[in-house]
C-alpha atoms as a PDB file:
ATOM      1  CA  MET A   1      54.058-116.417 157.111  1.00  0.00           C
ATOM      2  CA  THR A   2      56.724-113.815 157.002  1.00  0.00           C
ATOM      3  CA  ALA A   3      55.678-110.193 157.148  1.00  0.00           C
ATOM      4  CA  THR A   4      57.392-106.941 156.292  1.00  0.00           C
ATOM      5  CA  SER A   5      56.513-103.965 158.481  1.00  0.00           C
ATOM      6  CA  LEU A   6      58.406-100.766 159.277  1.00  0.00           C
ATOM      7  CA  THR A   7      58.371 -99.100 162.693  1.00  0.00           C
ATOM      8  CA  ASN A   8      56.150 -96.324 161.339  1.00  0.00           C
ATOM      9  CA  PRO A   9      55.081 -97.529 157.912  1.00  0.00           C
ATOM     10  CA  PRO A  10      53.229 -95.060 155.695  1.00  0.00           C
ATOM     11  CA  SER A  11      49.584 -95.470 154.821  1.00  0.00           C
ATOM     12  CA  ILE A  12      48.860 -97.286 151.583  1.00  0.00           C
ATOM     13  CA  PHE A  13      46.075 -94.801 150.691  1.00  0.00           C
ATOM     14  CA  MET A  14      46.413 -91.320 149.189  1.00  0.00           C
ATOM     15  CA  ARG A  15      42.908 -90.394 150.358  1.00  0.00           C
ATOM     16  CA  PRO A  16      40.193 -91.958 152.559  1.00  0.00           C
ATOM     17  CA  PRO A  17      38.850 -95.113 150.867  1.00  0.00           C
ATOM     18  CA  GLN A  18      35.156 -94.999 149.986  1.00  0.00           C
ATOM     19  CA  HIS A  19      34.381 -98.508 148.704  1.00  0.00           C
ATOM     20  CA  LEU A  20      34.160-100.791 151.725  1.00  0.00           C
ATOM     21  CA  ALA A  21      33.238-104.469 151.956  1.00  0.00           C
ATOM     22  CA  PHE A  22      32.091-105.846 155.317  1.00  0.00           C
ATOM     23  CA  MET A  23      32.414-109.486 156.394  1.00  0.00           C
ATOM     24  CA  ALA A  24      30.985-110.502 159.776  1.00  0.00           C
ATOM     25  CA  ALA A  25      31.331-113.554 161.995  1.00  0.00           C
ATOM     26  CA  PRO A  26      28.106-115.473 162.715  1.00  0.00           C
ATOM     27  CA  THR A  27      27.712-113.972 166.182  1.00  0.00           C
ATOM     28  CA  GLU A  28      25.087-111.567 167.470  1.00  0.00           C
ATOM     29  CA  THR A  29      27.689-108.922 168.327  1.00  0.00           C
ATOM     30  CA  ALA A  30      29.301-109.033 164.889  1.00  0.00           C
ATOM     31  CA  ARG A  31      25.967-109.105 163.031  1.00  0.00           C
ATOM     32  CA  ASP A  32      24.633-106.118 164.980  1.00  0.00           C
ATOM     33  CA  GLU A  33      27.804-104.193 164.202  1.00  0.00           C
ATOM     34  CA  LEU A  34      27.515-105.199 160.543  1.00  0.00           C
ATOM     35  CA  ASP A  35      23.992-103.736 160.311  1.00  0.00           C
ATOM     36  CA  ARG A  36      25.095-100.418 161.791  1.00  0.00           C
ATOM     37  CA  LEU A  37      28.179-100.081 159.602  1.00  0.00           C
ATOM     38  CA  VAL A  38      26.439-101.054 156.361  1.00  0.00           C
ATOM     39  CA  THR A  39      23.660 -98.550 157.064  1.00  0.00           C
ATOM     40  CA  ARG A  40      26.255 -95.852 157.588  1.00  0.00           C
ATOM     41  CA  TYR A  41      28.882 -96.639 154.945  1.00  0.00           C
ATOM     42  CA  GLY A  42      27.241 -98.991 152.450  1.00  0.00           C
ATOM     43  CA  ASN A  43      28.625-102.339 151.347  1.00  0.00           C
ATOM     44  CA  CYS A  44      30.183-103.738 148.186  1.00  0.00           C
ATOM     45  CA  HIS A  45      31.708-106.960 146.905  1.00  0.00           C
ATOM     46  CA  PRO A  46      35.241-107.658 148.259  1.00  0.00           C
ATOM     47  CA  GLY A  47      36.573-107.784 144.707  1.00  0.00           C
ATOM     48  CA  GLU A  48      35.364-104.214 144.099  1.00  0.00           C
ATOM     49  CA  ALA A  49      36.332-102.790 147.489  1.00  0.00           C
ATOM     50  CA  ASP A  50      39.212-100.572 148.526  1.00  0.00           C
ATOM     51  CA  VAL A  51      39.257-102.321 151.914  1.00  0.00           C
ATOM     52  CA  VAL A  52      37.614-105.411 153.417  1.00  0.00           C
ATOM     53  CA  ILE A  53      36.400-104.806 156.987  1.00  0.00           C
ATOM     54  CA  CYS A  54      36.436-107.983 159.065  1.00  0.00           C
ATOM     55  CA  LEU A  55      34.031-107.991 162.045  1.00  0.00           C
ATOM     56  CA  GLY A  56      34.748-110.755 164.548  1.00  0.00           C
ATOM     57  CA  GLY A  57      37.652-112.237 166.462  1.00  0.00           C
ATOM     58  CA  ASP A  58      41.038-113.618 165.499  1.00  0.00           C
ATOM     59  CA  GLY A  59      39.569-116.895 164.258  1.00  0.00           C
ATOM     60  CA  PHE A  60      37.213-115.164 161.857  1.00  0.00           C
ATOM     61  CA  MET A  61      40.040-112.892 160.715  1.00  0.00           C
ATOM     62  CA  LEU A  62      42.066-115.967 159.735  1.00  0.00           C
ATOM     63  CA  GLU A  63      39.074-117.318 157.810  1.00  0.00           C
ATOM     64  CA  THR A  64      38.625-113.967 156.054  1.00  0.00           C
ATOM     65  CA  LEU A  65      42.295-113.790 155.073  1.00  0.00           C
ATOM     66  CA  ARG A  66      42.111-117.317 153.676  1.00  0.00           C
ATOM     67  CA  VAL A  67      39.063-116.353 151.594  1.00  0.00           C
ATOM     68  CA  ILE A  68      40.972-113.338 150.244  1.00  0.00           C
ATOM     69  CA  LEU A  69      43.951-115.522 149.370  1.00  0.00           C
ATOM     70  CA  GLU A  70      41.943-118.280 147.734  1.00  0.00           C
ATOM     71  CA  ALA A  71      39.973-115.740 145.692  1.00  0.00           C
ATOM     72  CA  GLY A  72      43.212-114.258 144.370  1.00  0.00           C
ATOM     73  CA  LEU A  73      42.350-110.796 145.692  1.00  0.00           C
ATOM     74  CA  THR A  74      44.837-108.128 146.766  1.00  0.00           C
ATOM     75  CA  THR A  75      42.305-106.107 148.780  1.00  0.00           C
ATOM     76  CA  PRO A  76      43.734-105.088 152.194  1.00  0.00           C
ATOM     77  CA  VAL A  77      41.874-106.259 155.298  1.00  0.00           C
ATOM     78  CA  TYR A  78      41.123-104.194 158.414  1.00  0.00           C
ATOM     79  CA  GLY A  79      39.783-106.015 161.468  1.00  0.00           C
ATOM     80  CA  MET A  80      37.366-104.632 164.040  1.00  0.00           C
ATOM     81  CA  ASN A  81      37.241-106.667 167.220  1.00  0.00           C
ATOM     82  CA  CYS A  82      33.872-108.245 167.951  1.00  0.00           C
ATOM     83  CA  GLY A  83      35.435-111.273 169.639  1.00  0.00           C
ATOM     84  CA  SER A  84      37.582-111.853 172.705  1.00  0.00           C
ATOM     85  CA  VAL A  85      41.378-111.523 172.375  1.00  0.00           C
ATOM     86  CA  GLY A  86      41.544-109.581 169.119  1.00  0.00           C
ATOM     87  CA  PHE A  87      45.305-109.812 168.608  1.00  0.00           C
ATOM     88  CA  LEU A  88      44.868-109.306 164.855  1.00  0.00           C
ATOM     89  CA  MET A  89      42.067-106.770 165.244  1.00  0.00           C
ATOM     90  CA  ASN A  90      41.575-103.050 165.868  1.00  0.00           C
ATOM     91  CA  PRO A  91      39.137-101.483 168.359  1.00  0.00           C
ATOM     92  CA  THR A  92      35.539-101.326 167.181  1.00  0.00           C
ATOM     93  CA  ASP A  93      34.708 -97.690 166.444  1.00  0.00           C
ATOM     94  CA  GLU A  94      32.065 -96.641 163.933  1.00  0.00           C
ATOM     95  CA  GLU A  95      33.141 -92.978 163.774  1.00  0.00           C
ATOM     96  CA  ASP A  96      35.150 -91.621 160.825  1.00  0.00           C
ATOM     97  CA  LEU A  97      35.975 -95.093 159.519  1.00  0.00           C
ATOM     98  CA  PRO A  98      37.292 -93.936 156.090  1.00  0.00           C
ATOM     99  CA  TYR A  99      39.602 -91.470 157.854  1.00  0.00           C
ATOM    100  CA  ARG A 100      40.936 -94.195 160.152  1.00  0.00           C
ATOM    101  CA  LEU A 101      41.526 -96.466 157.178  1.00  0.00           C
ATOM    102  CA  ALA A 102      43.393 -93.721 155.346  1.00  0.00           C
ATOM    103  CA  HIS A 103      45.885 -93.543 158.217  1.00  0.00           C
ATOM    104  CA  ALA A 104      46.114 -97.298 158.883  1.00  0.00           C
ATOM    105  CA  GLN A 105      49.519 -98.974 158.609  1.00  0.00           C
ATOM    106  CA  ALA A 106      50.082-102.181 156.683  1.00  0.00           C
ATOM    107  CA  ALA A 107      51.743-105.535 157.323  1.00  0.00           C
ATOM    108  CA  ILE A 108      52.275-107.708 154.244  1.00  0.00           C
ATOM    109  CA  ILE A 109      51.952-111.363 155.181  1.00  0.00           C
ATOM    110  CA  HIS A 110      52.916-114.563 153.370  1.00  0.00           C
ATOM    111  CA  PRO A 111      51.129-117.797 154.365  1.00  0.00           C
ATOM    112  CA  LEU A 112      52.368-121.306 154.936  1.00  0.00           C
ATOM    113  CA  ARG A 113      51.260-123.928 152.449  1.00  0.00           C
ATOM    114  CA  MET A 114      50.565-127.433 153.755  1.00  0.00           C
ATOM    115  CA  LYS A 115      50.451-130.550 151.607  1.00  0.00           C
ATOM    116  CA  ALA A 116      49.236-133.644 153.443  1.00  0.00           C
ATOM    117  CA  VAL A 117      48.939-137.255 152.278  1.00  0.00           C
ATOM    118  CA  THR A 118      46.468-139.510 154.096  1.00  0.00           C
ATOM    119  CA  ALA A 119      46.640-143.218 154.832  1.00  0.00           C
ATOM    120  CA  HIS A 120      44.222-143.694 151.916  1.00  0.00           C
ATOM    121  CA  GLY A 121      46.680-142.064 149.508  1.00  0.00           C
ATOM    122  CA  GLU A 122      44.715-138.825 149.151  1.00  0.00           C
ATOM    123  CA  ALA A 123      46.737-135.613 148.787  1.00  0.00           C
ATOM    124  CA  GLN A 124      45.207-132.421 150.189  1.00  0.00           C
ATOM    125  CA  GLU A 125      46.529-128.861 150.390  1.00  0.00           C
ATOM    126  CA  ALA A 126      45.645-125.930 152.627  1.00  0.00           C
ATOM    127  CA  LEU A 127      46.963-122.493 153.532  1.00  0.00           C
ATOM    128  CA  ALA A 128      47.810-121.322 157.046  1.00  0.00           C
ATOM    129  CA  LEU A 129      48.387-117.793 158.313  1.00  0.00           C
ATOM    130  CA  ASN A 130      49.079-118.898 161.904  1.00  0.00           C
ATOM    131  CA  ASP A 131      50.541-122.391 161.881  1.00  0.00           C
ATOM    132  CA  VAL A 132      50.619-125.910 160.510  1.00  0.00           C
ATOM    133  CA  TYR A 133      50.617-128.585 163.178  1.00  0.00           C
ATOM    134  CA  LEU A 134      50.250-132.325 163.682  1.00  0.00           C
ATOM    135  CA  PHE A 135      48.672-133.925 166.740  1.00  0.00           C
ATOM    136  CA  ARG A 136      47.819-137.405 167.986  1.00  0.00           C
ATOM    137  CA  GLN A 137      44.261-138.681 167.439  1.00  0.00           C
ATOM    138  CA  THR A 138      44.216-141.276 170.229  1.00  0.00           C
ATOM    139  CA  ARG A 139      45.504-141.770 173.756  1.00  0.00           C
ATOM    140  CA  GLN A 140      48.845-142.994 172.386  1.00  0.00           C
ATOM    141  CA  ALA A 141      51.688-140.608 171.678  1.00  0.00           C
ATOM    142  CA  ALA A 142      52.545-139.814 168.086  1.00  0.00           C
ATOM    143  CA  LYS A 143      55.853-140.810 166.536  1.00  0.00           C
ATOM    144  CA  LEU A 144      57.142-138.360 163.946  1.00  0.00           C
ATOM    145  CA  ARG A 145      60.206-138.101 161.764  1.00  0.00           C
ATOM    146  CA  ILE A 146      61.130-134.505 160.882  1.00  0.00           C
ATOM    147  CA  ASP A 147      63.248-133.430 157.943  1.00  0.00           C
ATOM    148  CA  VAL A 148      64.266-129.931 156.901  1.00  0.00           C
ATOM    149  CA  ASP A 149      65.154-129.336 153.259  1.00  0.00           C
ATOM    150  CA  ARG A 150      65.182-133.129 152.758  1.00  0.00           C
ATOM    151  CA  LEU A 151      67.711-133.696 155.526  1.00  0.00           C
ATOM    152  CA  VAL A 152      66.442-135.763 158.464  1.00  0.00           C
ATOM    153  CA  ARG A 153      66.894-133.729 161.627  1.00  0.00           C
ATOM    154  CA  ILE A 154      64.798-135.742 164.113  1.00  0.00           C
ATOM    155  CA  PRO A 155      64.630-139.491 163.248  1.00  0.00           C
ATOM    156  CA  GLU A 156      61.937-140.135 165.879  1.00  0.00           C
ATOM    157  CA  LEU A 157      60.055-137.615 167.969  1.00  0.00           C
ATOM    158  CA  ILE A 158      57.674-139.149 170.520  1.00  0.00           C
ATOM    159  CA  CYS A 159      55.184-136.424 171.369  1.00  0.00           C
ATOM    160  CA  ASP A 160      51.624-135.161 171.295  1.00  0.00           C
ATOM    161  CA  GLY A 161      52.517-133.355 168.078  1.00  0.00           C
ATOM    162  CA  ALA A 162      54.657-130.714 166.409  1.00  0.00           C
ATOM    163  CA  LEU A 163      54.014-127.380 164.724  1.00  0.00           C
ATOM    164  CA  LEU A 164      55.524-124.951 162.269  1.00  0.00           C
ATOM    165  CA  ALA A 165      54.400-121.384 162.940  1.00  0.00           C
ATOM    166  CA  THR A 166      54.487-118.098 161.082  1.00  0.00           C
ATOM    167  CA  PRO A 167      55.957-115.028 162.861  1.00  0.00           C
ATOM    168  CA  ALA A 168      52.446-113.702 163.572  1.00  0.00           C
ATOM    169  CA  GLY A 169      51.362-117.196 164.623  1.00  0.00           C
ATOM    170  CA  SER A 170      54.357-117.498 166.934  1.00  0.00           C
ATOM    171  CA  THR A 171      52.321-115.680 169.608  1.00  0.00           C
ATOM    172  CA  ALA A 172      49.452-118.204 169.437  1.00  0.00           C
ATOM    173  CA  TYR A 173      49.605-122.019 169.779  1.00  0.00           C
ATOM    174  CA  ASN A 174      53.384-121.902 169.331  1.00  0.00           C
ATOM    175  CA  LEU A 175      53.777-119.714 172.413  1.00  0.00           C
ATOM    176  CA  SER A 176      51.470-121.969 174.425  1.00  0.00           C
ATOM    177  CA  ALA A 177      53.722-124.900 173.453  1.00  0.00           C
ATOM    178  CA  HIS A 178      56.725-122.930 174.796  1.00  0.00           C
ATOM    179  CA  GLY A 179      57.995-121.968 171.370  1.00  0.00           C
ATOM    180  CA  PRO A 180      59.797-118.653 170.745  1.00  0.00           C
ATOM    181  CA  ILE A 181      58.109-115.424 169.687  1.00  0.00           C
ATOM    182  CA  VAL A 182      59.505-114.330 166.313  1.00  0.00           C
ATOM    183  CA  PRO A 183      59.649-110.693 165.122  1.00  0.00           C
ATOM    184  CA  LEU A 184      57.877-110.059 161.833  1.00  0.00           C
ATOM    185  CA  SER A 185      61.072-108.800 160.229  1.00  0.00           C
ATOM    186  CA  GLY A 186      63.087-111.837 161.340  1.00  0.00           C
ATOM    187  CA  ASN A 187      62.332-114.042 158.299  1.00  0.00           C
ATOM    188  CA  LEU A 188      62.230-117.040 160.628  1.00  0.00           C
ATOM    189  CA  LEU A 189      59.780-119.899 161.203  1.00  0.00           C
ATOM    190  CA  PRO A 190      59.651-121.559 164.639  1.00  0.00           C
ATOM    191  CA  LEU A 191      59.458-125.360 164.624  1.00  0.00           C
ATOM    192  CA  THR A 192      58.139-126.467 168.018  1.00  0.00           C
ATOM    193  CA  PRO A 193      57.342-129.874 169.561  1.00  0.00           C
ATOM    194  CA  ILE A 194      54.059-130.286 171.450  1.00  0.00           C
ATOM    195  CA  CYS A 195      54.540-132.105 174.766  1.00  0.00           C
ATOM    196  CA  PRO A 196      57.687-133.982 173.675  1.00  0.00           C
ATOM    197  CA  PHE A 197      58.696-137.177 175.526  1.00  0.00           C
ATOM    198  CA  ARG A 198      61.725-138.264 173.474  1.00  0.00           C
ATOM    199  CA  PRO A 199      64.177-136.749 172.769  1.00  0.00           C
ATOM    200  CA  ARG A 200      63.679-134.985 176.090  1.00  0.00           C
ATOM    201  CA  ARG A 201      66.072-132.116 175.539  1.00  0.00           C
ATOM    202  CA  TRP A 202      64.878-131.041 172.104  1.00  0.00           C
ATOM    203  CA  ARG A 203      62.764-127.900 172.448  1.00  0.00           C
ATOM    204  CA  GLY A 204      62.479-126.939 168.799  1.00  0.00           C
ATOM    205  CA  ALA A 205      64.341-124.873 166.221  1.00  0.00           C
ATOM    206  CA  LEU A 206      64.266-121.544 164.423  1.00  0.00           C
ATOM    207  CA  LEU A 207      64.329-122.085 160.666  1.00  0.00           C
ATOM    208  CA  PRO A 208      64.897-119.654 157.817  1.00  0.00           C
ATOM    209  CA  SER A 209      61.698-118.644 156.049  1.00  0.00           C
ATOM    210  CA  SER A 210      62.929-120.490 152.947  1.00  0.00           C
ATOM    211  CA  ALA A 211      62.928-123.844 154.774  1.00  0.00           C
ATOM    212  CA  HIS A 212      60.849-126.777 153.525  1.00  0.00           C
ATOM    213  CA  VAL A 213      59.748-128.942 156.466  1.00  0.00           C
ATOM    214  CA  GLY A 214      58.582-132.534 156.172  1.00  0.00           C
ATOM    215  CA  PHE A 215      56.798-134.605 158.819  1.00  0.00           C
ATOM    216  CA  SER A 216      56.505-138.391 158.440  1.00  0.00           C
ATOM    217  CA  VAL A 217      54.128-140.279 160.718  1.00  0.00           C
ATOM    218  CA  LEU A 218      55.727-143.463 162.078  1.00  0.00           C
ATOM    219  CA  GLU A 219      53.504-146.424 163.038  1.00  0.00           C
ATOM    220  CA  HIS A 220      50.525-144.528 161.622  1.00  0.00           C
ATOM    221  CA  ASP A 221      48.212-147.568 161.862  1.00  0.00           C
ATOM    222  CA  LYS A 222      48.804-147.818 165.608  1.00  0.00           C
ATOM    223  CA  ARG A 223      49.325-144.120 166.309  1.00  0.00           C
ATOM    224  CA  PRO A 224      47.064-142.103 163.967  1.00  0.00           C
ATOM    225  CA  VAL A 225      47.793-138.413 163.526  1.00  0.00           C
ATOM    226  CA  ALA A 226      45.825-135.443 162.194  1.00  0.00           C
ATOM    227  CA  ALA A 227      47.226-132.324 160.506  1.00  0.00           C
ATOM    228  CA  VAL A 228      45.832-128.805 160.797  1.00  0.00           C
ATOM    229  CA  ALA A 229      46.428-125.642 158.778  1.00  0.00           C
ATOM    230  CA  ASP A 230      44.705-122.937 160.836  1.00  0.00           C
ATOM    231  CA  SER A 231      41.072-124.146 160.841  1.00  0.00           C
ATOM    232  CA  ILE A 232      41.472-126.874 158.168  1.00  0.00           C
ATOM    233  CA  GLU A 233      41.898-130.337 159.729  1.00  0.00           C
ATOM    234  CA  ILE A 234      42.902-133.476 157.829  1.00  0.00           C
ATOM    235  CA  ARG A 235      42.668-136.817 159.644  1.00  0.00           C
ATOM    236  CA  ASP A 236      44.838-139.929 159.366  1.00  0.00           C
ATOM    237  CA  VAL A 237      47.814-138.358 157.648  1.00  0.00           C
ATOM    238  CA  VAL A 238      51.007-140.274 156.889  1.00  0.00           C
ATOM    239  CA  SER A 239      53.105-137.355 155.667  1.00  0.00           C
ATOM    240  CA  VAL A 240      52.925-133.562 155.714  1.00  0.00           C
ATOM    241  CA  GLN A 241      55.019-130.981 153.896  1.00  0.00           C
ATOM    242  CA  ALA A 242      54.941-127.328 154.971  1.00  0.00           C
ATOM    243  CA  TRP A 243      56.663-124.252 153.617  1.00  0.00           C
ATOM    244  CA  GLU A 244      56.168-120.527 153.212  1.00  0.00           C
ATOM    245  CA  ASP A 245      54.489-119.607 149.938  1.00  0.00           C
ATOM    246  CA  ARG A 246      56.176-116.366 148.877  1.00  0.00           C
ATOM    247  CA  GLU A 247      53.995-116.103 145.778  1.00  0.00           C
ATOM    248  CA  LEU A 248      50.945-115.375 147.945  1.00  0.00           C
ATOM    249  CA  ALA A 249      50.405-112.413 150.236  1.00  0.00           C
ATOM    250  CA  VAL A 250      47.695-110.582 152.145  1.00  0.00           C
ATOM    251  CA  THR A 251      47.792-107.055 153.529  1.00  0.00           C
ATOM    252  CA  LEU A 252      46.578-106.520 157.087  1.00  0.00           C
ATOM    253  CA  LEU A 253      45.833-102.973 158.315  1.00  0.00           C
ATOM    254  CA  PHE A 254      46.314-101.595 161.840  1.00  0.00           C
ATOM    255  CA  ASP A 255      45.680 -98.280 163.560  1.00  0.00           C
ATOM    256  CA  PRO A 256      48.790 -96.080 164.000  1.00  0.00           C
ATOM    257  CA  GLY A 257      50.886 -97.131 166.974  1.00  0.00           C
ATOM    258  CA  GLN A 258      49.177-100.551 167.087  1.00  0.00           C
ATOM    259  CA  THR A 259      50.970-102.323 164.246  1.00  0.00           C
ATOM    260  CA  LEU A 260      51.384-106.083 164.218  1.00  0.00           C
ATOM    261  CA  SER A 261      55.156-105.684 164.665  1.00  0.00           C
ATOM    262  CA  GLU A 262      54.598-103.652 167.832  1.00  0.00           C
ATOM    263  CA  ARG A 263      52.072-106.134 169.208  1.00  0.00           C
ATOM    264  CA  ILE A 264      54.445-109.047 168.697  1.00  0.00           C
ATOM    265  CA  ALA A 265      57.317-107.087 170.248  1.00  0.00           C
ATOM    266  CA  ALA A 266      55.169-106.213 173.258  1.00  0.00           C
ATOM    267  CA  GLU A 267      54.285-109.894 173.783  1.00  0.00           C
ATOM    268  CA  GLN A 268      57.962-110.598 174.478  1.00  0.00           C
ATOM    269  CA  PHE A 269      57.847-108.285 177.492  1.00  0.00           C
ATOM    270  CA  SER A 270      54.417-109.155 178.889  1.00  0.00           C
ATOM    271  CA  ALA A 271      54.151-110.895 182.238  1.00  0.00           C
END
């Protein structure tokens, strides 16, 4: 996904929003917080809300954003951390929530769309707000051919897998695989190998956000590969296409001074 975010972007609300929808992860912490917030502020359907409040961790936030996208909603989403890392979340604070929302700053995010074809000839699609990646299903390394805009760039990559990340997702699995962190305003997508064996010196590429990336699984009968778009996993794929879907967008809200752009920038200087 590519995101647009100013250094100090203005709030998207003229006044404190009153119609709130709460979605909570299936954990005791999130459910307890849900009960307290609903008692205090009420609850409505996401399609009728001014803001959707996501209670959980980063994983549940990604699930919530996918639900918003697939439902065709434009409702902005504000996360309150009831998980562990909380990179996409804000601190959990029950006080003056409408006021905090009125001053929240927005990042507009476009997802990746994945289209995978399995060894059985089935075509499946999924959306990803972090990354699309392929990985080996057995002890044997995967063999992948990678093309960009229909031009073969890597005829054979022997590896554990490969991934295409969004700018926000560049700080997640991509970073763990030694891929580059990408600023939200960069309009770039990192393409990163996962534990590459051959070619040894290829460490990935930075692609324009308009790029269309294709992965072909070589020797798929001997070396089966799965594909993942965030939490959606498809087994035994033979080909995967991935690109940024500019026709879709979600709006993520952050407290002032804690925007997603600032968090990603800070990651580049963390020890």
